[in-house]
C-alpha atoms as a PDB file:
ATOM      1  CA  MET A   1      30.814 -28.522  11.531  1.00  0.00           C
ATOM      2  CA  ARG A   2      28.378 -27.090  14.037  1.00  0.00           C
ATOM      3  CA  THR A   3      28.770 -23.553  12.676  1.00  0.00           C
ATOM      4  CA  LYS A   4      28.011 -24.770   9.163  1.00  0.00           C
ATOM      5  CA  VAL A   5      24.752 -26.345  10.340  1.00  0.00           C
ATOM      6  CA  LEU A   6      23.755 -23.196  12.240  1.00  0.00           C
ATOM      7  CA  THR A   7      24.597 -21.007   9.240  1.00  0.00           C
ATOM      8  CA  LEU A   8      22.560 -23.217   6.928  1.00  0.00           C
ATOM      9  CA  ALA A   9      19.610 -23.222   9.348  1.00  0.00           C
ATOM     10  CA  ALA A  10      19.739 -19.430   9.653  1.00  0.00           C
ATOM     11  CA  ALA A  11      19.844 -19.035   5.869  1.00  0.00           C
ATOM     12  CA  VAL A  12      16.832 -21.319   5.408  1.00  0.00           C
ATOM     13  CA  LEU A  13      14.804 -19.525   8.090  1.00  0.00           C
ATOM     14  CA  TYR A  14      15.704 -16.135   6.634  1.00  0.00           C
ATOM     15  CA  GLY A  15      14.611 -17.343   3.200  1.00  0.00           C
ATOM     16  CA  PHE A  16      11.213 -18.395   4.541  1.00  0.00           C
ATOM     17  CA  THR A  17      10.632 -15.017   6.190  1.00  0.00           C
ATOM     18  CA  CYS A  18      11.496 -13.235   2.933  1.00  0.00           C
ATOM     19  CA  LEU A  19       9.001 -15.348   1.013  1.00  0.00           C
ATOM     20  CA  ALA A  20       6.259 -14.804   3.585  1.00  0.00           C
ATOM     21  CA  GLY A  21       5.962 -11.077   2.771  1.00  0.00           C
ATOM     22  CA  THR A  22       5.443 -11.560  -0.955  1.00  0.00           C
ATOM     23  CA  THR A  23       2.196 -13.529  -0.832  1.00  0.00           C
ATOM     24  CA  PRO A  24      -0.701 -11.434  -2.145  1.00  0.00           C
ATOM     25  CA  GLN A  25      -3.427 -10.431   0.283  1.00  0.00           C
ATOM     26  CA  SER A  26      -7.044  -9.679  -0.518  1.00  0.00           C
ATOM     27  CA  GLY A  27      -8.799  -6.496   0.435  1.00  0.00           C
ATOM     28  CA  THR A  28     -11.469  -4.024  -0.569  1.00  0.00           C
ATOM     29  CA  VAL A  29     -11.246  -0.313  -1.313  1.00  0.00           C
ATOM     30  CA  VAL A  30     -13.640   1.219   1.207  1.00  0.00           C
ATOM     31  CA  SER A  31     -13.343   4.913   0.336  1.00  0.00           C
ATOM     32  CA  GLU A  32     -11.477   7.437  -1.809  1.00  0.00           C
ATOM     33  CA  GLN A  33     -10.766  11.103  -1.276  1.00  0.00           C
ATOM     34  CA  SER A  34      -8.596  13.812  -2.787  1.00  0.00           C
ATOM     35  CA  VAL A  35      -6.040  15.265  -0.370  1.00  0.00           C
ATOM     36  CA  ASP A  36      -3.537  18.094  -0.649  1.00  0.00           C
ATOM     37  CA  CYS A  37      -0.045  16.790  -1.405  1.00  0.00           C
ATOM     38  CA  GLY A  38       1.930  19.938  -2.191  1.00  0.00           C
ATOM     39  CA  THR A  39       2.130  22.823  -4.611  1.00  0.00           C
ATOM     40  CA  LYS A  40       3.403  23.239  -8.140  1.00  0.00           C
ATOM     41  CA  ASN A  41       5.097  26.441  -9.280  1.00  0.00           C
ATOM     42  CA  LYS A  42       3.664  27.855 -12.489  1.00  0.00           C
ATOM     43  CA  GLY A  43       5.867  30.888 -12.740  1.00  0.00           C
ATOM     44  CA  LYS A  44       7.737  33.396 -10.647  1.00  0.00           C
ATOM     45  CA  LYS A  45       4.870  34.353  -8.362  1.00  0.00           C
ATOM     46  CA  SER A  46       2.068  31.867  -8.953  1.00  0.00           C
ATOM     47  CA  SER A  47       1.625  28.331  -7.719  1.00  0.00           C
ATOM     48  CA  THR A  48      -1.115  25.737  -7.849  1.00  0.00           C
ATOM     49  CA  ASP A  49      -2.191  23.313  -5.153  1.00  0.00           C
ATOM     50  CA  VAL A  50      -1.688  19.694  -6.159  1.00  0.00           C
ATOM     51  CA  VAL A  51      -4.033  16.934  -5.013  1.00  0.00           C
ATOM     52  CA  CYS A  52      -3.406  13.211  -4.708  1.00  0.00           C
ATOM     53  CA  GLN A  53      -5.831  10.340  -4.279  1.00  0.00           C
ATOM     54  CA  GLN A  54      -5.972   8.681  -0.871  1.00  0.00           C
ATOM     55  CA  TYR A  55      -7.764   5.382  -0.320  1.00  0.00           C
ATOM     56  CA  VAL A  56      -8.855   3.288   2.639  1.00  0.00           C
ATOM     57  CA  VAL A  57      -8.210  -0.408   1.997  1.00  0.00           C
ATOM     58  CA  ARG A  58      -9.837  -2.903   4.363  1.00  0.00           C
ATOM     59  CA  THR A  59      -8.792  -6.493   4.978  1.00  0.00           C
ATOM     60  CA  SER A  60     -10.330  -8.902   7.477  1.00  0.00           C
ATOM     61  CA  THR A  61      -8.074  -7.608  10.282  1.00  0.00           C
ATOM     62  CA  THR A  62      -6.625  -4.230   9.241  1.00  0.00           C
ATOM     63  CA  GLU A  63      -7.490  -0.942   7.574  1.00  0.00           C
ATOM     64  CA  TYR A  64      -4.763   0.797   5.566  1.00  0.00           C
ATOM     65  CA  GLN A  65      -4.745   4.432   4.482  1.00  0.00           C
ATOM     66  CA  VAL A  66      -2.723   4.661   1.262  1.00  0.00           C
ATOM     67  CA  ARG A  67      -1.815   7.653  -0.920  1.00  0.00           C
ATOM     68  CA  GLN A  68      -0.327   8.217  -4.358  1.00  0.00           C
ATOM     69  CA  PRO A  69       3.427   8.817  -4.040  1.00  0.00           C
ATOM     70  CA  LYS A  70       3.344  11.537  -6.735  1.00  0.00           C
ATOM     71  CA  PRO A  71       0.474  13.456  -8.242  1.00  0.00           C
ATOM     72  CA  LYS A  72      -0.234  12.041 -11.668  1.00  0.00           C
ATOM     73  CA  ASP A  73      -3.091  11.207 -13.936  1.00  0.00           C
ATOM     74  CA  GLN A  74      -4.418   7.795 -13.059  1.00  0.00           C
ATOM     75  CA  ALA A  75      -7.802   6.177 -12.943  1.00  0.00           C
ATOM     76  CA  ILE A  76      -9.746   6.594  -9.712  1.00  0.00           C
ATOM     77  CA  ILE A  77     -10.444   3.266  -8.037  1.00  0.00           C
ATOM     78  CA  PRO A  78     -14.118   3.167  -7.014  1.00  0.00           C
ATOM     79  CA  ALA A  79     -15.305   2.134  -3.556  1.00  0.00           C
ATOM     80  CA  ASN A  80     -16.165  -1.536  -2.935  1.00  0.00           C
ATOM     81  CA  THR A  81     -13.581  -2.680  -5.482  1.00  0.00           C
ATOM     82  CA  PRO A  82     -11.865  -5.959  -4.549  1.00  0.00           C
ATOM     83  CA  ILE A  83      -8.069  -5.817  -4.848  1.00  0.00           C
ATOM     84  CA  GLN A  84      -4.987  -7.991  -4.431  1.00  0.00           C
ATOM     85  CA  PHE A  85      -1.957  -6.362  -2.809  1.00  0.00           C
ATOM     86  CA  VAL A  86       1.533  -6.949  -1.440  1.00  0.00           C
ATOM     87  CA  ILE A  87       3.145  -4.806   1.248  1.00  0.00           C
ATOM     88  CA  ASP A  88       6.810  -3.942   0.775  1.00  0.00           C
ATOM     89  CA  LYS A  89       8.208  -1.777   3.611  1.00  0.00           C
ATOM     90  CA  ASP A  90       6.110   1.420   3.511  1.00  0.00           C
ATOM     91  CA  LYS A  91       4.535   0.751   0.108  1.00  0.00           C
ATOM     92  CA  MET A  92       1.473  -1.161  -1.006  1.00  0.00           C
ATOM     93  CA  LYS A  93       1.630  -2.644  -4.492  1.00  0.00           C
ATOM     94  CA  LEU A  94      -1.855  -3.517  -5.654  1.00  0.00           C
ATOM     95  CA  LYS A  95      -3.649  -4.855  -8.677  1.00  0.00           C
ATOM     96  CA  VAL A  96      -7.105  -3.820  -9.784  1.00  0.00           C
ATOM     97  CA  ASN A  97      -8.581  -5.441 -12.885  1.00  0.00           C
ATOM     98  CA  GLY A  98      -5.110  -6.409 -14.097  1.00  0.00           C
ATOM     99  CA  GLN A  99      -3.732  -2.867 -13.691  1.00  0.00           C
ATOM    100  CA  GLY A 100      -0.870  -2.381 -11.206  1.00  0.00           C
ATOM    101  CA  TYR A 101      -0.491   0.607  -8.863  1.00  0.00           C
ATOM    102  CA  GLU A 102       1.909   1.547  -6.086  1.00  0.00           C
ATOM    103  CA  PHE A 103       0.871   3.617  -3.071  1.00  0.00           C
ATOM    104  CA  LEU A 104       2.527   4.881   0.104  1.00  0.00           C
ATOM    105  CA  ILE A 105       1.053   3.581   3.355  1.00  0.00           C
ATOM    106  CA  VAL A 106       0.281   6.649   5.465  1.00  0.00           C
ATOM    107  CA  GLY A 107      -1.689   4.947   8.228  1.00  0.00           C
ATOM    108  CA  THR A 108      -2.922   1.632   9.573  1.00  0.00           C
ATOM    109  CA  SER A 109      -5.475   0.588  12.150  1.00  0.00           C
ATOM    110  CA  ALA A 110      -6.510  -2.762  13.532  1.00  0.00           C
ATOM    111  CA  LEU A 111     -10.158  -3.707  13.182  1.00  0.00           C
ATOM    112  CA  SER A 112     -12.056  -4.791  16.251  1.00  0.00           C
ATOM    113  CA  PRO A 113     -14.224  -7.914  15.988  1.00  0.00           C
ATOM    114  CA  GLN A 114     -17.389  -5.753  16.090  1.00  0.00           C
ATOM    115  CA  SER A 115     -16.413  -3.619  13.044  1.00  0.00           C
ATOM    116  CA  LYS A 116     -15.979  -6.520  10.610  1.00  0.00           C
END
């Protein structure tokens, strides 16, 4: 009987921790830049550098550096754009004006109280 209660309690606590990560957070895109993210072969001897968009997203406590997972044509998100996002492992899934995007998190930094 005791093991059943402990198992049930563990399952309930695990369920709450899973739900906690899916709540959307608010942030703002602070900056955007194009960064090198590989090369693309055009033929036998020629290749072209490929660039991806990298953004800095700021919340009240953290700054995230996020990058496109693959180079592709997508709209550039302007600075000072408010966003809603969810973090899932090493990815940030965000929405801007109803459009969804997925980025890789390549860096994080905590904000000090003076930089808010």
